[in-house]
């Protein structure tokens, strides 16, 4: 059975959008247990589709480590940021990982990212910095009485 990549991409993007909105909606609660459950569900589903995927023990250890460290830290930081940012700002901040991941591969494995990867990463970083600067300007323009809201 062929894989329908456009539908999978749409499902992934929709799922991520729902997750960001739910994360923002649950900002008053500790959402870390939710990430553990979501990770277990994602692992179970992806394992079912892996079929005869064979990896060496060292590659499996690297994958597990990256999953816990890279994604774990990302979602821990997102959980903390959700208390202070709107959902759209949170989603844009999450895109920083798209830039950082190839940099880790470059540093750790020596695989040089393509020019388009670097350019795309710079666009994401510029958007995050621009949004942050706009937010700082907005904070400065508010009266001291409004800042407590």
Protein backbone atom coordinates (compact mmCIF):
# COMPACT_ATOMS: atom_id res chain seq x y z
CA UNK A 1 0.00 0.00 0.00
CA UNK A 2 1.63 3.30 -1.05
CA UNK A 3 2.05 6.04 1.48
CA UNK A 4 0.02 9.18 0.78
CA UNK A 5 2.61 11.82 1.69
CA UNK A 6 0.41 14.91 1.21
CA UNK A 7 -2.20 13.51 3.59
CA UNK A 8 0.47 12.48 6.08
CA UNK A 9 1.98 15.98 5.93
CA UNK A 10 -1.44 17.54 6.44
CA UNK A 11 -2.15 15.22 9.37
CA UNK A 12 1.24 16.01 10.94
CA UNK A 13 0.78 19.77 10.56
CA UNK A 14 -2.77 19.59 11.91
CA UNK A 15 -1.67 17.45 14.83
CA UNK A 16 1.14 19.87 15.66
CA UNK A 17 -1.22 22.85 15.49
CA UNK A 18 -3.68 21.11 17.81
CA UNK A 19 -0.82 20.26 20.20
CA UNK A 20 0.35 23.89 20.32
CA UNK A 21 -3.19 25.14 20.96
CA UNK A 22 -3.74 22.54 23.68
CA UNK A 23 -0.37 23.37 25.22
CA UNK A 24 -1.34 27.02 25.35
CA UNK A 25 -4.77 26.14 26.72
CA UNK A 26 -3.23 24.06 29.51
CA UNK A 27 -0.66 26.67 30.49
CA UNK A 28 -1.94 26.78 34.07
CA UNK A 29 -1.24 23.04 34.54
CA UNK A 30 1.90 20.92 34.39
CA UNK A 31 1.83 19.53 30.85
CA UNK A 32 4.96 17.36 31.14
CA UNK A 33 3.01 14.11 31.75
CA UNK A 34 1.11 14.85 28.53
CA UNK A 35 4.40 14.87 26.62
CA UNK A 36 5.36 11.48 28.05
CA UNK A 37 2.04 9.97 26.98
CA UNK A 38 2.25 11.62 23.55
CA UNK A 39 5.78 10.29 23.09
CA UNK A 40 4.71 6.76 24.02
CA UNK A 41 1.76 6.92 21.59
CA UNK A 42 3.97 8.28 18.79
CA UNK A 43 6.56 5.59 19.46
CA UNK A 44 3.90 2.87 19.35
CA UNK A 45 2.37 4.12 16.10
CA UNK A 46 5.72 4.64 14.37
CA UNK A 47 6.95 1.23 15.55
CA UNK A 48 3.93 -0.39 13.93
CA UNK A 49 4.84 1.22 10.60
CA UNK A 50 8.58 0.52 10.89
CA UNK A 51 8.16 -3.06 9.73
CA UNK A 52 11.57 -4.66 9.28
CA UNK A 53 13.57 -1.57 10.10
CA UNK A 54 16.88 -2.78 11.45
CA UNK A 55 19.32 -0.54 13.28
CA UNK A 56 22.51 -1.25 15.10
CA UNK A 57 22.44 -0.93 18.89
CA UNK A 58 24.64 2.18 18.70
CA UNK A 59 22.29 3.83 16.16
CA UNK A 60 19.29 2.95 18.31
CA UNK A 61 21.02 4.48 21.34
CA UNK A 62 21.77 7.66 19.39
CA UNK A 63 18.13 7.87 18.26
CA UNK A 64 16.79 7.34 21.76
CA UNK A 65 19.22 9.89 23.19
CA UNK A 66 18.23 12.46 20.58
CA UNK A 67 14.57 11.78 21.27
CA UNK A 68 14.93 12.29 24.99
CA UNK A 69 17.42 15.14 24.95
CA UNK A 70 16.62 17.14 21.82
CA UNK A 71 12.86 16.70 21.73
CA UNK A 72 12.55 16.46 25.50
CA UNK A 73 14.28 19.78 26.05
CA UNK A 74 12.34 21.36 23.20
CA UNK A 75 9.00 20.41 24.70
CA UNK A 76 10.10 21.30 28.22
CA UNK A 77 11.00 24.79 27.00
CA UNK A 78 7.76 25.04 25.01
CA UNK A 79 5.77 24.04 28.07
CA UNK A 80 7.39 26.86 30.04
CA UNK A 81 7.04 29.37 27.19
CA UNK A 82 3.33 28.53 26.75
CA UNK A 83 2.64 30.35 30.01
CA UNK A 84 3.84 33.62 28.50
CA UNK A 85 3.31 33.46 24.72
CA UNK A 86 0.31 33.29 22.42
CA UNK A 87 -0.19 30.10 20.39
CA UNK A 88 1.10 31.70 17.16
CA UNK A 89 4.21 32.98 18.92
CA UNK A 90 4.74 29.57 20.48
CA UNK A 91 4.52 27.84 17.09
CA UNK A 92 7.03 30.26 15.59
CA UNK A 93 9.39 29.74 18.51
CA UNK A 94 9.13 25.98 18.01
CA UNK A 95 10.47 26.43 14.48
CA UNK A 96 13.85 27.38 15.93
CA UNK A 97 14.41 23.63 16.32
CA UNK A 98 14.25 23.33 12.52
CA UNK A 99 17.36 25.53 12.41
CA UNK A 100 19.13 24.04 15.41
CA UNK A 101 18.80 20.35 14.40
CA UNK A 102 21.03 20.62 11.29
CA UNK A 103 23.54 22.59 13.33
CA UNK A 104 23.77 19.74 15.87
CA UNK A 105 24.33 17.29 13.00
CA UNK A 106 27.03 19.57 11.61
CA UNK A 107 28.75 19.83 14.99
CA UNK A 108 28.28 16.20 16.02
CA UNK A 109 28.68 14.28 12.78
CA UNK A 110 30.38 16.75 10.47
CA UNK A 111 27.59 16.76 7.86
CA UNK A 112 27.62 20.24 6.37
CA UNK A 113 24.09 21.64 5.85
CA UNK A 114 23.10 22.73 2.36
CA UNK A 115 22.87 26.37 1.43
CA UNK A 116 19.06 26.21 1.33
CA UNK A 117 19.03 24.75 4.85
CA UNK A 118 21.13 27.64 6.14
CA UNK A 119 19.05 30.23 4.29
CA UNK A 120 15.79 28.70 5.56
CA UNK A 121 17.16 28.60 9.09
CA UNK A 122 18.17 32.24 8.88
CA UNK A 123 14.64 33.15 7.74
CA UNK A 124 13.19 31.33 10.76
CA UNK A 125 15.65 32.98 13.16
CA UNK A 126 14.95 36.40 11.62
CA UNK A 127 11.20 35.85 12.07
CA UNK A 128 11.65 34.87 15.71
CA UNK A 129 13.94 37.82 16.40
CA UNK A 130 11.57 40.19 14.57
CA UNK A 131 8.59 38.95 16.54
CA UNK A 132 10.55 39.29 19.78
CA UNK A 133 11.58 42.85 18.93
CA UNK A 134 7.99 43.74 18.11
CA UNK A 135 6.89 42.27 21.44
CA UNK A 136 9.50 44.32 23.30
CA UNK A 137 8.36 47.50 21.55
CA UNK A 138 4.78 46.70 22.50
CA UNK A 139 5.77 46.15 26.15
CA UNK A 140 7.59 49.50 26.23
CA UNK A 141 4.63 51.34 24.66
CA UNK A 142 2.14 50.10 27.25
CA UNK A 143 1.49 52.29 30.23
CA UNK A 144 2.77 51.07 33.63
CA UNK A 145 -0.86 50.60 34.73
CA UNK A 146 -1.52 48.15 31.82
CA UNK A 147 1.66 46.08 32.35
CA UNK A 148 0.18 44.10 35.21
CA UNK A 149 -2.55 42.61 32.99
